[in-house]
């Protein structure tokens, strides 16, 4: 999984190290987005993105990434920095910090970029269930 640079740890474990692989494996996701365009009454056009995520452990993967990395305004030592693209705004004057060296750049009062229209969890059979179904005869 690749996070946007502003949410990454400024000093992550060395890529390929045992620590890095352990962290990565615990939070691995398969995710895809699909854009859509829909004409509304009056000629306006609505544009959006369908998001699909597959994972083996809902709490350890999807929900961890969503709650701990994206929506947490105090992630990794930040003060009031929910993710600027997808996290809901609790306050209008929330800050977005570009983690740069030697000096961080802070942006205030960014507009909301994403509006969630709905969501659902759908469960797919695991590999053991698929193997069983492959053996069942009609």
N, C-alpha and C. Protein backbone atom coordinates (compact mmCIF):
# COMPACT_ATOMS: atom_id res chain seq x y z
N UNK A 1 0.84 -1.17 0.00
CA UNK A 1 0.00 0.00 0.00
C UNK A 1 0.88 1.23 0.00
N UNK A 2 0.55 2.21 -0.81
CA UNK A 2 1.31 3.45 -0.86
C UNK A 2 0.42 4.56 -0.36
N UNK A 3 0.85 5.24 0.68
CA UNK A 3 0.11 6.37 1.21
C UNK A 3 0.61 7.65 0.56
N UNK A 4 -0.22 8.67 0.61
CA UNK A 4 0.24 9.96 0.12
C UNK A 4 1.41 10.42 0.98
N UNK A 5 2.40 11.12 0.41
CA UNK A 5 3.61 11.46 1.16
C UNK A 5 3.35 12.21 2.46
N UNK A 6 2.32 13.05 2.51
CA UNK A 6 2.10 13.84 3.72
C UNK A 6 1.63 12.99 4.89
N UNK A 7 1.15 11.78 4.68
CA UNK A 7 0.72 10.92 5.77
C UNK A 7 1.77 9.86 6.10
N UNK A 8 2.80 9.74 5.29
CA UNK A 8 3.86 8.78 5.58
C UNK A 8 4.68 9.23 6.78
N UNK A 9 5.24 8.28 7.44
CA UNK A 9 6.16 8.58 8.52
C UNK A 9 7.39 9.27 7.93
N UNK A 10 7.81 10.41 8.48
CA UNK A 10 8.96 11.10 7.91
C UNK A 10 10.25 10.29 8.01
N UNK A 11 10.31 9.32 8.93
CA UNK A 11 11.48 8.46 9.05
C UNK A 11 11.02 7.01 9.11
N UNK A 12 10.51 6.48 7.98
CA UNK A 12 10.00 5.10 8.00
C UNK A 12 11.14 4.10 8.13
N UNK A 13 10.81 2.85 8.47
CA UNK A 13 11.85 1.82 8.51
C UNK A 13 12.48 1.68 7.12
N UNK A 14 13.70 1.19 7.09
CA UNK A 14 14.39 1.01 5.81
C UNK A 14 13.57 0.09 4.91
N UNK A 15 13.29 0.50 3.65
CA UNK A 15 12.51 -0.34 2.73
C UNK A 15 13.13 -1.74 2.61
N UNK A 16 12.30 -2.75 2.68
CA UNK A 16 12.77 -4.12 2.57
C UNK A 16 13.24 -4.72 3.89
N UNK A 17 13.36 -3.90 4.94
CA UNK A 17 13.80 -4.44 6.23
C UNK A 17 12.69 -5.31 6.82
N UNK A 18 13.05 -6.14 7.77
CA UNK A 18 12.06 -7.01 8.42
C UNK A 18 10.96 -6.18 9.07
N UNK A 19 11.33 -5.08 9.72
CA UNK A 19 10.33 -4.22 10.37
C UNK A 19 9.37 -3.62 9.34
N UNK A 20 9.92 -3.14 8.24
CA UNK A 20 9.10 -2.55 7.18
C UNK A 20 8.13 -3.57 6.59
N UNK A 21 8.61 -4.78 6.34
CA UNK A 21 7.76 -5.82 5.76
C UNK A 21 6.68 -6.26 6.73
N UNK A 22 6.99 -6.33 8.02
CA UNK A 22 5.99 -6.71 9.02
C UNK A 22 4.87 -5.67 9.07
N UNK A 23 5.25 -4.40 9.12
CA UNK A 23 4.25 -3.33 9.15
C UNK A 23 3.41 -3.36 7.87
N UNK A 24 4.06 -3.48 6.74
CA UNK A 24 3.37 -3.49 5.46
C UNK A 24 2.40 -4.66 5.36
N UNK A 25 2.84 -5.86 5.75
CA UNK A 25 1.99 -7.04 5.65
C UNK A 25 0.74 -6.94 6.53
N UNK A 26 0.86 -6.30 7.67
CA UNK A 26 -0.30 -6.19 8.58
C UNK A 26 -1.39 -5.27 8.03
N UNK A 27 -1.02 -4.33 7.18
CA UNK A 27 -1.99 -3.33 6.71
C UNK A 27 -2.17 -3.35 5.19
N UNK A 28 -1.84 -4.45 4.56
CA UNK A 28 -1.91 -4.56 3.10
C UNK A 28 -3.35 -4.55 2.60
N UNK A 29 -3.59 -3.80 1.54
CA UNK A 29 -4.91 -3.70 0.92
C UNK A 29 -4.78 -3.86 -0.59
N UNK A 30 -5.83 -4.37 -1.20
CA UNK A 30 -5.95 -4.31 -2.65
C UNK A 30 -7.07 -3.30 -2.89
N UNK A 31 -6.75 -2.20 -3.54
CA UNK A 31 -7.75 -1.14 -3.70
C UNK A 31 -7.79 -0.66 -5.14
N UNK A 32 -8.96 -0.26 -5.57
CA UNK A 32 -9.16 0.28 -6.90
C UNK A 32 -10.20 1.38 -6.85
N UNK A 33 -10.04 2.34 -7.71
CA UNK A 33 -11.03 3.40 -7.86
C UNK A 33 -11.51 3.40 -9.30
N UNK A 34 -12.73 3.75 -9.49
CA UNK A 34 -13.31 3.83 -10.84
C UNK A 34 -14.09 5.13 -10.93
N UNK A 35 -13.72 5.97 -11.87
CA UNK A 35 -14.41 7.26 -11.98
C UNK A 35 -15.75 7.11 -12.67
N UNK A 36 -16.62 8.05 -12.39
CA UNK A 36 -17.91 8.08 -13.08
C UNK A 36 -18.31 9.52 -13.35
N UNK A 37 -19.16 9.69 -14.34
CA UNK A 37 -19.74 10.98 -14.68
C UNK A 37 -21.23 10.77 -14.87
N UNK A 38 -22.03 11.64 -14.28
CA UNK A 38 -23.48 11.50 -14.39
C UNK A 38 -24.10 12.87 -14.65
N UNK A 39 -24.90 12.94 -15.68
CA UNK A 39 -25.62 14.19 -15.96
C UNK A 39 -26.83 14.28 -15.05
N UNK A 40 -26.99 15.45 -14.45
CA UNK A 40 -28.13 15.67 -13.58
C UNK A 40 -29.13 16.56 -14.29
N UNK A 41 -30.29 16.66 -13.69
CA UNK A 41 -31.30 17.58 -14.24
C UNK A 41 -30.74 18.98 -14.25
N UNK A 42 -31.07 19.73 -15.25
CA UNK A 42 -30.58 21.09 -15.35
C UNK A 42 -29.24 21.19 -16.06
N UNK A 43 -28.71 20.06 -16.52
CA UNK A 43 -27.47 20.09 -17.29
C UNK A 43 -26.19 20.01 -16.49
N UNK A 44 -26.29 20.05 -15.15
CA UNK A 44 -25.06 19.93 -14.35
C UNK A 44 -24.50 18.51 -14.46
N UNK A 45 -23.20 18.42 -14.31
CA UNK A 45 -22.53 17.12 -14.36
C UNK A 45 -21.92 16.81 -13.01
N UNK A 46 -22.23 15.63 -12.51
CA UNK A 46 -21.64 15.16 -11.25
C UNK A 46 -20.51 14.21 -11.60
N UNK A 47 -19.37 14.42 -11.02
CA UNK A 47 -18.23 13.54 -11.23
C UNK A 47 -17.86 12.92 -9.89
N UNK A 48 -17.41 11.68 -9.95
CA UNK A 48 -17.06 11.03 -8.71
C UNK A 48 -16.17 9.84 -8.90
N UNK A 49 -16.00 9.11 -7.82
CA UNK A 49 -15.13 7.94 -7.80
C UNK A 49 -15.79 6.85 -6.98
N UNK A 50 -15.89 5.67 -7.57
CA UNK A 50 -16.27 4.48 -6.82
C UNK A 50 -14.99 3.90 -6.25
N UNK A 51 -15.00 3.55 -4.98
CA UNK A 51 -13.82 2.99 -4.33
C UNK A 51 -14.12 1.57 -3.91
N UNK A 52 -13.22 0.64 -4.22
CA UNK A 52 -13.36 -0.76 -3.85
C UNK A 52 -12.08 -1.21 -3.18
N UNK A 53 -12.21 -1.90 -2.07
CA UNK A 53 -11.03 -2.35 -1.32
C UNK A 53 -11.26 -3.81 -0.90
N UNK A 54 -10.28 -4.66 -1.19
CA UNK A 54 -10.33 -6.06 -0.76
C UNK A 54 -9.22 -6.29 0.25
N UNK A 55 -9.55 -6.99 1.33
CA UNK A 55 -8.56 -7.32 2.34
C UNK A 55 -9.02 -8.54 3.11
N UNK A 56 -8.11 -9.12 3.88
CA UNK A 56 -8.42 -10.34 4.63
C UNK A 56 -8.93 -10.06 6.04
N UNK A 57 -8.50 -8.96 6.64
CA UNK A 57 -8.87 -8.65 8.01
C UNK A 57 -9.37 -7.21 8.06
N UNK A 58 -10.67 -7.04 8.17
CA UNK A 58 -11.29 -5.73 8.10
C UNK A 58 -10.73 -4.75 9.12
N UNK A 59 -10.61 -5.18 10.37
CA UNK A 59 -10.14 -4.27 11.43
C UNK A 59 -8.67 -3.92 11.27
N UNK A 60 -7.84 -4.91 10.96
CA UNK A 60 -6.40 -4.69 10.90
C UNK A 60 -5.97 -3.98 9.61
N UNK A 61 -6.77 -4.07 8.57
CA UNK A 61 -6.37 -3.49 7.30
C UNK A 61 -7.19 -2.25 6.98
N UNK A 62 -8.37 -2.40 6.42
CA UNK A 62 -9.14 -1.24 5.96
C UNK A 62 -9.43 -0.25 7.09
N UNK A 63 -10.01 -0.75 8.18
CA UNK A 63 -10.40 0.17 9.25
C UNK A 63 -9.19 0.81 9.93
N UNK A 64 -8.09 0.09 10.05
CA UNK A 64 -6.88 0.69 10.61
C UNK A 64 -6.40 1.85 9.74
N UNK A 65 -6.30 1.61 8.45
CA UNK A 65 -5.83 2.66 7.53
C UNK A 65 -6.79 3.84 7.56
N UNK A 66 -8.09 3.57 7.52
CA UNK A 66 -9.09 4.64 7.50
C UNK A 66 -9.05 5.47 8.78
N UNK A 67 -9.06 4.80 9.93
CA UNK A 67 -9.16 5.52 11.20
C UNK A 67 -7.82 6.03 11.72
N UNK A 68 -6.78 5.22 11.58
CA UNK A 68 -5.50 5.60 12.19
C UNK A 68 -4.62 6.44 11.27
N UNK A 69 -4.63 6.17 9.99
CA UNK A 69 -3.75 6.92 9.09
C UNK A 69 -4.44 8.09 8.41
N UNK A 70 -5.71 7.96 8.07
CA UNK A 70 -6.37 9.02 7.31
C UNK A 70 -7.16 9.99 8.18
N UNK A 71 -7.98 9.49 9.07
CA UNK A 71 -8.89 10.36 9.81
C UNK A 71 -8.32 10.89 11.12
N UNK A 72 -7.21 10.37 11.59
CA UNK A 72 -6.66 10.79 12.87
C UNK A 72 -5.92 12.13 12.72
N UNK A 73 -6.46 13.21 13.26
CA UNK A 73 -5.80 14.51 13.11
C UNK A 73 -4.49 14.63 13.88
N UNK A 74 -4.20 13.66 14.77
CA UNK A 74 -2.95 13.70 15.53
C UNK A 74 -2.02 12.57 15.11
N UNK A 75 -2.19 12.09 13.89
CA UNK A 75 -1.37 10.99 13.36
C UNK A 75 0.11 11.33 13.41
N UNK A 76 0.91 10.43 13.94
CA UNK A 76 2.37 10.52 13.91
C UNK A 76 2.90 11.85 14.43
N UNK A 77 2.33 12.34 15.52
CA UNK A 77 2.84 13.56 16.13
C UNK A 77 2.29 14.85 15.57
N UNK A 78 1.36 14.80 14.62
CA UNK A 78 0.76 16.02 14.10
C UNK A 78 -0.22 16.57 15.13
N UNK A 79 -0.66 17.80 14.96
CA UNK A 79 -1.52 18.45 15.96
C UNK A 79 -2.99 18.49 15.54
N UNK A 80 -3.26 18.89 14.32
CA UNK A 80 -4.64 19.05 13.85
C UNK A 80 -4.66 18.84 12.34
N UNK A 81 -4.23 17.65 11.90
CA UNK A 81 -4.00 17.41 10.48
C UNK A 81 -4.72 16.18 9.96
N UNK A 82 -6.04 16.21 9.82
CA UNK A 82 -6.67 15.07 9.14
C UNK A 82 -6.21 15.06 7.68
N UNK A 83 -6.28 13.91 7.03
CA UNK A 83 -5.87 13.83 5.63
C UNK A 83 -6.65 14.86 4.81
N UNK A 84 -5.98 15.67 3.98
CA UNK A 84 -6.66 16.77 3.30
C UNK A 84 -7.59 16.33 2.18
N UNK A 85 -7.44 15.12 1.67
CA UNK A 85 -8.29 14.69 0.57
C UNK A 85 -9.53 13.94 1.02
N UNK A 86 -9.37 12.98 1.93
CA UNK A 86 -10.50 12.10 2.22
C UNK A 86 -11.05 12.16 3.63
N UNK A 87 -10.33 12.74 4.58
CA UNK A 87 -10.84 12.78 5.95
C UNK A 87 -11.93 13.84 6.08
N UNK A 88 -12.96 13.54 6.87
CA UNK A 88 -13.99 14.55 7.09
C UNK A 88 -13.44 15.71 7.91
N UNK A 89 -13.93 16.90 7.66
CA UNK A 89 -13.48 18.09 8.41
C UNK A 89 -14.30 18.22 9.68
N UNK A 90 -13.63 18.19 10.80
CA UNK A 90 -14.30 18.42 12.08
C UNK A 90 -14.39 19.92 12.31
N UNK A 91 -13.33 20.63 11.90
CA UNK A 91 -13.30 22.08 12.04
C UNK A 91 -12.93 22.70 10.70
N UNK A 92 -13.47 23.87 10.41
CA UNK A 92 -13.16 24.56 9.15
C UNK A 92 -11.71 25.01 9.07
N UNK A 93 -11.10 25.32 10.21
CA UNK A 93 -9.73 25.85 10.18
C UNK A 93 -8.68 24.76 10.38
N UNK A 94 -9.01 23.50 10.03
CA UNK A 94 -8.04 22.42 10.16
C UNK A 94 -6.80 22.72 9.34
N UNK A 95 -5.70 22.15 9.76
CA UNK A 95 -4.40 22.42 9.14
C UNK A 95 -3.94 21.20 8.35
N UNK A 96 -3.26 21.45 7.25
CA UNK A 96 -2.59 20.38 6.51
C UNK A 96 -1.10 20.71 6.49
N UNK A 97 -0.29 19.80 7.01
CA UNK A 97 1.15 20.03 7.10
C UNK A 97 1.88 19.24 6.03
N UNK A 98 2.62 19.94 5.18
CA UNK A 98 3.54 19.28 4.24
C UNK A 98 4.79 18.98 5.02
N UNK A 99 5.09 17.72 5.17
CA UNK A 99 6.27 17.34 5.95
C UNK A 99 7.49 17.45 5.05
N UNK A 100 8.15 18.58 5.14
CA UNK A 100 9.32 18.86 4.31
C UNK A 100 10.51 19.15 5.20
N UNK A 101 11.67 18.99 4.66
CA UNK A 101 12.89 19.31 5.40
C UNK A 101 13.61 20.43 4.70
N UNK A 102 14.11 21.39 5.37
CA UNK A 102 14.25 21.48 6.83
C UNK A 102 13.02 22.06 7.52
N UNK A 103 12.07 22.63 6.78
CA UNK A 103 10.94 23.30 7.42
C UNK A 103 9.63 22.75 6.85
N UNK A 104 8.70 22.46 7.74
CA UNK A 104 7.36 22.04 7.32
C UNK A 104 6.58 23.25 6.82
N UNK A 105 5.68 23.01 5.88
CA UNK A 105 4.80 24.07 5.38
C UNK A 105 3.39 23.72 5.83
N UNK A 106 2.70 24.69 6.43
CA UNK A 106 1.34 24.44 6.93
C UNK A 106 0.33 25.21 6.10
N UNK A 107 -0.72 24.52 5.68
CA UNK A 107 -1.82 25.12 4.92
C UNK A 107 -3.06 25.11 5.81
N UNK A 108 -3.75 26.21 5.85
CA UNK A 108 -4.94 26.31 6.70
C UNK A 108 -6.20 26.47 5.86
N UNK A 109 -7.31 25.99 6.40
CA UNK A 109 -8.64 26.17 5.82
C UNK A 109 -8.73 25.69 4.38
N UNK A 110 -8.20 24.48 4.12
CA UNK A 110 -8.36 23.91 2.78
C UNK A 110 -9.82 23.54 2.56
N UNK A 111 -10.30 23.64 1.34
CA UNK A 111 -11.69 23.23 1.09
C UNK A 111 -11.81 21.71 1.17
N UNK A 112 -13.02 21.22 1.39
CA UNK A 112 -13.24 19.78 1.36
C UNK A 112 -13.25 19.34 -0.09
N UNK A 113 -12.52 18.26 -0.36
CA UNK A 113 -12.40 17.77 -1.72
C UNK A 113 -13.32 16.59 -1.98
N UNK A 114 -13.70 15.87 -0.94
CA UNK A 114 -14.44 14.63 -1.09
C UNK A 114 -15.74 14.71 -0.30
N UNK A 115 -16.81 14.25 -0.91
CA UNK A 115 -18.09 14.13 -0.21
C UNK A 115 -18.53 12.67 -0.35
N UNK A 116 -18.64 11.99 0.76
CA UNK A 116 -19.05 10.58 0.75
C UNK A 116 -20.55 10.51 0.55
N UNK A 117 -20.98 9.71 -0.41
CA UNK A 117 -22.41 9.57 -0.72
C UNK A 117 -22.99 8.28 -0.18
N UNK A 118 -22.15 7.37 0.23
CA UNK A 118 -22.64 6.10 0.76
C UNK A 118 -21.49 5.14 0.92
N UNK A 119 -21.78 4.02 1.52
CA UNK A 119 -20.74 3.02 1.71
C UNK A 119 -21.34 1.75 2.26
N UNK A 120 -20.64 0.66 2.08
CA UNK A 120 -21.11 -0.62 2.58
C UNK A 120 -19.94 -1.59 2.65
N UNK A 121 -20.06 -2.58 3.53
CA UNK A 121 -19.11 -3.68 3.57
C UNK A 121 -19.77 -4.86 2.88
N UNK A 122 -19.04 -5.49 1.99
CA UNK A 122 -19.50 -6.70 1.32
C UNK A 122 -18.47 -7.78 1.60
N UNK A 123 -18.93 -8.97 1.94
CA UNK A 123 -18.01 -10.05 2.29
C UNK A 123 -17.97 -11.08 1.18
N UNK A 124 -16.77 -11.48 0.82
CA UNK A 124 -16.54 -12.50 -0.21
C UNK A 124 -16.06 -13.77 0.47
N UNK A 125 -16.31 -14.92 -0.14
CA UNK A 125 -15.82 -16.15 0.49
C UNK A 125 -14.30 -16.20 0.48
N UNK A 126 -13.74 -16.81 1.52
CA UNK A 126 -12.29 -16.98 1.59
C UNK A 126 -11.82 -18.10 0.68
N UNK A 127 -10.53 -18.29 0.60
CA UNK A 127 -9.95 -19.28 -0.31
C UNK A 127 -10.41 -20.69 0.05
N UNK A 128 -10.54 -20.99 1.35
CA UNK A 128 -11.00 -22.33 1.77
C UNK A 128 -12.43 -22.58 1.27
N UNK A 129 -13.29 -21.57 1.37
CA UNK A 129 -14.66 -21.73 0.89
C UNK A 129 -14.69 -21.89 -0.63
N UNK A 130 -13.86 -21.15 -1.34
CA UNK A 130 -13.80 -21.30 -2.79
C UNK A 130 -13.32 -22.69 -3.20
N UNK A 131 -12.33 -23.21 -2.48
CA UNK A 131 -11.86 -24.57 -2.77
C UNK A 131 -12.98 -25.59 -2.52
N UNK A 132 -13.71 -25.41 -1.45
CA UNK A 132 -14.83 -26.31 -1.16
C UNK A 132 -15.88 -26.23 -2.27
N UNK A 133 -16.26 -25.02 -2.65
CA UNK A 133 -17.27 -24.85 -3.69
C UNK A 133 -16.82 -25.48 -5.02
N UNK A 134 -15.51 -25.48 -5.28
CA UNK A 134 -15.00 -26.08 -6.51
C UNK A 134 -15.16 -27.60 -6.51
N UNK A 135 -15.29 -28.21 -5.33
CA UNK A 135 -15.43 -29.66 -5.26
C UNK A 135 -16.88 -30.13 -5.27
N UNK A 136 -17.82 -29.23 -5.06
CA UNK A 136 -19.23 -29.58 -5.01
C UNK A 136 -19.73 -29.86 -6.42
N UNK A 137 -20.42 -30.96 -6.59
CA UNK A 137 -20.97 -31.31 -7.91
C UNK A 137 -22.44 -30.91 -7.97
N UNK A 138 -22.89 -30.62 -9.16
CA UNK A 138 -24.28 -30.21 -9.36
C UNK A 138 -25.17 -31.34 -9.19
